[in-house]
Amino acid sequence: MGSRWRVIEAVALPMLTLLFLGLWQGFRHHTEAMRALRRQLHELEQQHTEVNNTSLMEEQLEFLQRRQQSLETQIGDMKRAQQRWRMQERQRMQRSEPTPPPSMDFIPIP
């Protein structure tokens, strides 16, 4: 029975050492895999952010173009309204001003 304990003692230290080394390598491999996954995730987030920024910029550009068209239409409407108002004012002024009688100053001398 004593020899069995000696065999177990002799085999236990190398087995524990192998177990420790196996666990250590597994942990190292797991850590490297996690780092690689984090790098990939970071790259994907950057790509996603770039895509989001691009689509956001496109949406803003479309909004600004629609707004510009709307403002151009409003400006055109205002210009036409202003021209109509000026024309009406001219007509009103012409109607309200009496035509001056012909002056003798303008008669040509033969």
N, C-alpha and C. Protein backbone atom coordinates (compact mmCIF):
# COMPACT_ATOMS: atom_id res chain seq x y z
N MET A 1 0.81 -1.17 0.00
CA MET A 1 0.00 0.00 0.00
C MET A 1 0.87 1.24 0.00
N GLY A 2 1.95 1.22 0.65
CA GLY A 2 2.87 2.35 0.70
C GLY A 2 3.46 2.64 -0.66
N SER A 3 3.65 1.61 -1.47
CA SER A 3 4.22 1.83 -2.79
C SER A 3 3.21 2.52 -3.71
N ARG A 4 1.96 2.23 -3.48
CA ARG A 4 0.94 2.91 -4.31
C ARG A 4 0.95 4.40 -4.04
N TRP A 5 1.08 4.80 -2.78
CA TRP A 5 1.11 6.23 -2.44
C TRP A 5 2.32 6.89 -3.04
N ARG A 6 3.40 6.16 -3.09
CA ARG A 6 4.62 6.72 -3.68
C ARG A 6 4.43 6.91 -5.19
N VAL A 7 3.74 5.98 -5.81
CA VAL A 7 3.48 6.11 -7.25
C VAL A 7 2.55 7.29 -7.48
N ILE A 8 1.52 7.40 -6.65
CA ILE A 8 0.57 8.50 -6.78
C ILE A 8 1.29 9.82 -6.54
N GLU A 9 2.14 9.88 -5.52
CA GLU A 9 2.89 11.10 -5.24
C GLU A 9 3.82 11.44 -6.39
N ALA A 10 4.45 10.44 -6.96
CA ALA A 10 5.39 10.67 -8.05
C ALA A 10 4.66 11.13 -9.32
N VAL A 11 3.46 10.62 -9.55
CA VAL A 11 2.72 10.96 -10.75
C VAL A 11 1.90 12.23 -10.55
N ALA A 12 1.53 12.55 -9.32
CA ALA A 12 0.65 13.69 -9.05
C ALA A 12 1.29 15.02 -9.44
N LEU A 13 2.53 15.25 -9.09
CA LEU A 13 3.18 16.53 -9.40
C LEU A 13 3.29 16.75 -10.90
N PRO A 14 3.77 15.79 -11.69
CA PRO A 14 3.79 16.03 -13.14
C PRO A 14 2.39 16.19 -13.73
N MET A 15 1.41 15.44 -13.22
CA MET A 15 0.05 15.56 -13.73
C MET A 15 -0.53 16.93 -13.40
N LEU A 16 -0.31 17.40 -12.18
CA LEU A 16 -0.78 18.74 -11.81
C LEU A 16 -0.09 19.81 -12.64
N THR A 17 1.20 19.60 -12.90
CA THR A 17 1.94 20.54 -13.73
C THR A 17 1.36 20.57 -15.14
N LEU A 18 1.09 19.38 -15.71
CA LEU A 18 0.49 19.32 -17.05
C LEU A 18 -0.90 19.96 -17.06
N LEU A 19 -1.67 19.71 -16.01
CA LEU A 19 -3.00 20.30 -15.91
C LEU A 19 -2.89 21.82 -15.85
N PHE A 20 -1.97 22.33 -15.04
CA PHE A 20 -1.76 23.77 -14.93
C PHE A 20 -1.34 24.36 -16.27
N LEU A 21 -0.38 23.72 -16.95
CA LEU A 21 0.08 24.22 -18.25
C LEU A 21 -1.06 24.19 -19.29
N GLY A 22 -1.86 23.14 -19.27
CA GLY A 22 -2.99 23.05 -20.20
C GLY A 22 -4.01 24.15 -19.94
N LEU A 23 -4.31 24.36 -18.66
CA LEU A 23 -5.25 25.43 -18.32
C LEU A 23 -4.67 26.80 -18.69
N TRP A 24 -3.37 26.99 -18.44
CA TRP A 24 -2.71 28.26 -18.76
C TRP A 24 -2.77 28.54 -20.27
N GLN A 25 -2.47 27.53 -21.07
CA GLN A 25 -2.51 27.70 -22.52
C GLN A 25 -3.95 27.94 -23.00
N GLY A 26 -4.87 27.24 -22.42
CA GLY A 26 -6.28 27.44 -22.78
C GLY A 26 -6.73 28.86 -22.44
N PHE A 27 -6.32 29.34 -21.27
CA PHE A 27 -6.65 30.70 -20.87
C PHE A 27 -6.03 31.71 -21.84
N ARG A 28 -4.77 31.48 -22.22
CA ARG A 28 -4.08 32.37 -23.15
C ARG A 28 -4.79 32.37 -24.51
N HIS A 29 -5.15 31.20 -24.96
CA HIS A 29 -5.86 31.08 -26.24
C HIS A 29 -7.22 31.81 -26.17
N HIS A 30 -7.91 31.62 -25.06
CA HIS A 30 -9.20 32.27 -24.85
C HIS A 30 -9.03 33.80 -24.84
N THR A 31 -8.00 34.27 -24.16
CA THR A 31 -7.73 35.72 -24.09
C THR A 31 -7.44 36.28 -25.48
N GLU A 32 -6.63 35.59 -26.26
CA GLU A 32 -6.31 36.05 -27.62
C GLU A 32 -7.57 36.06 -28.50
N ALA A 33 -8.40 35.03 -28.34
CA ALA A 33 -9.64 34.97 -29.12
C ALA A 33 -10.55 36.13 -28.74
N MET A 34 -10.62 36.45 -27.46
CA MET A 34 -11.44 37.59 -27.00
C MET A 34 -10.90 38.90 -27.57
N ARG A 35 -9.59 39.06 -27.57
CA ARG A 35 -8.99 40.29 -28.13
C ARG A 35 -9.31 40.41 -29.62
N ALA A 36 -9.21 39.31 -30.34
CA ALA A 36 -9.52 39.33 -31.77
C ALA A 36 -10.99 39.69 -32.00
N LEU A 37 -11.86 39.13 -31.18
CA LEU A 37 -13.28 39.46 -31.30
C LEU A 37 -13.55 40.92 -30.98
N ARG A 38 -12.87 41.44 -29.97
CA ARG A 38 -13.02 42.87 -29.63
C ARG A 38 -12.56 43.76 -30.78
N ARG A 39 -11.42 43.37 -31.40
CA ARG A 39 -10.92 44.16 -32.55
C ARG A 39 -11.94 44.14 -33.69
N GLN A 40 -12.47 42.95 -33.97
CA GLN A 40 -13.46 42.84 -35.04
C GLN A 40 -14.71 43.65 -34.72
N LEU A 41 -15.14 43.58 -33.46
CA LEU A 41 -16.31 44.34 -33.04
C LEU A 41 -16.06 45.84 -33.18
N HIS A 42 -14.88 46.28 -32.77
CA HIS A 42 -14.52 47.69 -32.88
C HIS A 42 -14.52 48.13 -34.35
N GLU A 43 -13.96 47.31 -35.23
CA GLU A 43 -13.94 47.64 -36.66
C GLU A 43 -15.36 47.70 -37.22
N LEU A 44 -16.20 46.74 -36.82
CA LEU A 44 -17.59 46.76 -37.28
C LEU A 44 -18.33 47.99 -36.78
N GLU A 45 -18.08 48.37 -35.53
CA GLU A 45 -18.72 49.58 -34.99
C GLU A 45 -18.27 50.81 -35.76
N GLN A 46 -16.98 50.88 -36.12
CA GLN A 46 -16.50 52.01 -36.90
C GLN A 46 -17.17 52.04 -38.27
N GLN A 47 -17.27 50.87 -38.91
CA GLN A 47 -17.93 50.81 -40.22
C GLN A 47 -19.39 51.21 -40.09
N HIS A 48 -20.04 50.72 -39.03
CA HIS A 48 -21.44 51.04 -38.80
C HIS A 48 -21.60 52.55 -38.57
N THR A 49 -20.69 53.13 -37.81
CA THR A 49 -20.73 54.57 -37.55
C THR A 49 -20.53 55.34 -38.84
N GLU A 50 -19.59 54.89 -39.67
CA GLU A 50 -19.36 55.56 -40.95
C GLU A 50 -20.58 55.46 -41.84
N VAL A 51 -21.21 54.29 -41.87
CA VAL A 51 -22.42 54.11 -42.67
C VAL A 51 -23.53 55.01 -42.13
N ASN A 52 -23.68 55.04 -40.79
CA ASN A 52 -24.69 55.88 -40.18
C ASN A 52 -24.42 57.35 -40.48
N ASN A 53 -23.15 57.76 -40.38
CA ASN A 53 -22.81 59.14 -40.67
C ASN A 53 -23.11 59.47 -42.13
N THR A 54 -22.80 58.55 -43.02
CA THR A 54 -23.06 58.78 -44.44
C THR A 54 -24.55 58.89 -44.70
N SER A 55 -25.32 57.97 -44.14
CA SER A 55 -26.77 58.01 -44.37
C SER A 55 -27.38 59.24 -43.72
N LEU A 56 -26.87 59.62 -42.55
CA LEU A 56 -27.37 60.83 -41.89
C LEU A 56 -27.06 62.06 -42.74
N MET A 57 -25.86 62.12 -43.30
CA MET A 57 -25.50 63.25 -44.14
C MET A 57 -26.37 63.28 -45.40
N GLU A 58 -26.66 62.12 -45.97
CA GLU A 58 -27.53 62.06 -47.15
C GLU A 58 -28.93 62.54 -46.81
N GLU A 59 -29.45 62.12 -45.65
CA GLU A 59 -30.78 62.57 -45.23
C GLU A 59 -30.80 64.08 -45.02
N GLN A 60 -29.74 64.61 -44.39
CA GLN A 60 -29.67 66.05 -44.16
C GLN A 60 -29.59 66.81 -45.48
N LEU A 61 -28.82 66.27 -46.42
CA LEU A 61 -28.70 66.91 -47.73
C LEU A 61 -30.05 66.92 -48.44
N GLU A 62 -30.76 65.80 -48.41
CA GLU A 62 -32.09 65.75 -49.03
C GLU A 62 -33.03 66.75 -48.38
N PHE A 63 -32.99 66.84 -47.05
CA PHE A 63 -33.85 67.79 -46.34
C PHE A 63 -33.50 69.22 -46.75
N LEU A 64 -32.22 69.52 -46.80
CA LEU A 64 -31.80 70.88 -47.17
C LEU A 64 -32.19 71.21 -48.61
N GLN A 65 -32.10 70.23 -49.51
CA GLN A 65 -32.50 70.47 -50.89
C GLN A 65 -34.00 70.73 -50.98
N ARG A 66 -34.80 69.95 -50.25
CA ARG A 66 -36.25 70.19 -50.24
C ARG A 66 -36.57 71.56 -49.65
N ARG A 67 -35.87 71.91 -48.59
CA ARG A 67 -36.08 73.21 -47.95
C ARG A 67 -35.69 74.35 -48.91
N GLN A 68 -34.59 74.18 -49.63
CA GLN A 68 -34.16 75.19 -50.59
C GLN A 68 -35.22 75.36 -51.68
N GLN A 69 -35.75 74.27 -52.20
CA GLN A 69 -36.78 74.36 -53.23
C GLN A 69 -38.02 75.07 -52.69
N SER A 70 -38.39 74.75 -51.46
CA SER A 70 -39.55 75.39 -50.84
C SER A 70 -39.31 76.89 -50.70
N LEU A 71 -38.13 77.26 -50.25
CA LEU A 71 -37.82 78.68 -50.09
C LEU A 71 -37.77 79.40 -51.44
N GLU A 72 -37.22 78.74 -52.46
CA GLU A 72 -37.20 79.35 -53.79
C GLU A 72 -38.61 79.57 -54.30
N THR A 73 -39.50 78.63 -54.05
CA THR A 73 -40.90 78.79 -54.45
C THR A 73 -41.53 79.96 -53.71
N GLN A 74 -41.29 80.04 -52.40
CA GLN A 74 -41.84 81.15 -51.61
C GLN A 74 -41.30 82.49 -52.09
N ILE A 75 -40.01 82.55 -52.41
CA ILE A 75 -39.40 83.80 -52.90
C ILE A 75 -40.04 84.19 -54.23
N GLY A 76 -40.22 83.22 -55.12
CA GLY A 76 -40.87 83.50 -56.40
C GLY A 76 -42.29 84.02 -56.21
N ASP A 77 -43.04 83.40 -55.30
CA ASP A 77 -44.41 83.87 -55.01
C ASP A 77 -44.39 85.29 -54.47
N MET A 78 -43.45 85.57 -53.59
CA MET A 78 -43.36 86.92 -53.01
C MET A 78 -42.99 87.96 -54.06
N LYS A 79 -42.08 87.61 -54.97
CA LYS A 79 -41.70 88.54 -56.03
C LYS A 79 -42.91 88.84 -56.93
N ARG A 80 -43.66 87.82 -57.29
CA ARG A 80 -44.84 88.03 -58.13
C ARG A 80 -45.87 88.89 -57.40
N ALA A 81 -46.07 88.62 -56.11
CA ALA A 81 -47.01 89.42 -55.32
C ALA A 81 -46.54 90.88 -55.25
N GLN A 82 -45.24 91.08 -55.09
CA GLN A 82 -44.69 92.43 -55.02
C GLN A 82 -44.88 93.14 -56.37
N GLN A 83 -44.65 92.43 -57.47
CA GLN A 83 -44.84 93.03 -58.79
C GLN A 83 -46.31 93.41 -59.00
N ARG A 84 -47.24 92.53 -58.60
CA ARG A 84 -48.67 92.84 -58.71
C ARG A 84 -49.02 94.07 -57.88
N TRP A 85 -48.48 94.12 -56.67
CA TRP A 85 -48.75 95.27 -55.80
C TRP A 85 -48.23 96.55 -56.42
N ARG A 86 -47.01 96.54 -56.96
CA ARG A 86 -46.44 97.72 -57.60
C ARG A 86 -47.31 98.17 -58.78
N MET A 87 -47.74 97.18 -59.59
CA MET A 87 -48.56 97.51 -60.74
C MET A 87 -49.87 98.13 -60.28
N GLN A 88 -50.49 97.58 -59.25
CA GLN A 88 -51.75 98.13 -58.74
C GLN A 88 -51.53 99.53 -58.19
N GLU A 89 -50.42 99.74 -57.51
CA GLU A 89 -50.12 101.07 -56.98
C GLU A 89 -49.93 102.07 -58.11
N ARG A 90 -49.22 101.68 -59.15
CA ARG A 90 -49.03 102.57 -60.31
C ARG A 90 -50.37 102.92 -60.94
N GLN A 91 -51.21 101.90 -61.11
CA GLN A 91 -52.52 102.15 -61.70
C GLN A 91 -53.36 103.07 -60.82
N ARG A 92 -53.30 102.86 -59.53
CA ARG A 92 -54.04 103.70 -58.59
C ARG A 92 -53.54 105.13 -58.65
N MET A 93 -52.22 105.29 -58.70
CA MET A 93 -51.63 106.62 -58.76
C MET A 93 -52.02 107.32 -60.07
N GLN A 94 -52.01 106.56 -61.16
CA GLN A 94 -52.37 107.15 -62.44
C GLN A 94 -53.84 107.57 -62.45
N ARG A 95 -54.70 106.77 -61.83
CA ARG A 95 -56.12 107.12 -61.78
C ARG A 95 -56.37 108.31 -60.88
N SER A 96 -55.61 108.42 -59.80
CA SER A 96 -55.85 109.50 -58.85
C SER A 96 -55.24 110.82 -59.29
N GLU A 97 -54.24 110.79 -60.13
CA GLU A 97 -53.63 112.04 -60.62
C GLU A 97 -54.44 112.56 -61.80
N PRO A 98 -54.88 113.80 -61.71
CA PRO A 98 -55.58 114.35 -62.87
C PRO A 98 -54.58 114.63 -63.97
N THR A 99 -55.01 114.47 -65.17
CA THR A 99 -54.12 114.76 -66.28
C THR A 99 -53.97 116.27 -66.38
N PRO A 100 -52.76 116.71 -66.48
CA PRO A 100 -52.57 118.16 -66.51
C PRO A 100 -53.10 118.73 -67.83
N PRO A 101 -53.65 119.91 -67.76
CA PRO A 101 -54.13 120.51 -69.00
C PRO A 101 -52.95 120.84 -69.89
N PRO A 102 -53.19 120.86 -71.17
CA PRO A 102 -52.07 121.18 -72.05
C PRO A 102 -51.57 122.58 -71.75
N SER A 103 -50.31 122.67 -71.65
CA SER A 103 -49.69 123.96 -71.32
C SER A 103 -49.28 124.63 -72.60
N MET A 104 -49.29 125.91 -72.51
CA MET A 104 -48.90 126.71 -73.66
C MET A 104 -47.39 126.70 -73.83
N ASP A 105 -46.73 126.27 -72.81
CA ASP A 105 -45.27 126.25 -72.87
C ASP A 105 -44.77 125.17 -73.83
N PHE A 106 -45.61 124.20 -74.07
CA PHE A 106 -45.16 123.10 -74.90
C PHE A 106 -45.58 123.21 -76.35
N ILE A 107 -46.24 124.26 -76.70
CA ILE A 107 -46.68 124.42 -78.09
C ILE A 107 -45.48 124.85 -78.91
N PRO A 108 -45.23 124.14 -79.96
CA PRO A 108 -44.05 124.48 -80.76
C PRO A 108 -44.30 125.80 -81.52
N ILE A 109 -43.26 126.52 -81.63
CA ILE A 109 -43.32 127.78 -82.39
C ILE A 109 -42.89 127.48 -83.81
N PRO A 110 -43.75 127.91 -84.75
CA PRO A 110 -43.39 127.61 -86.13
C PRO A 110 -42.26 128.46 -86.66
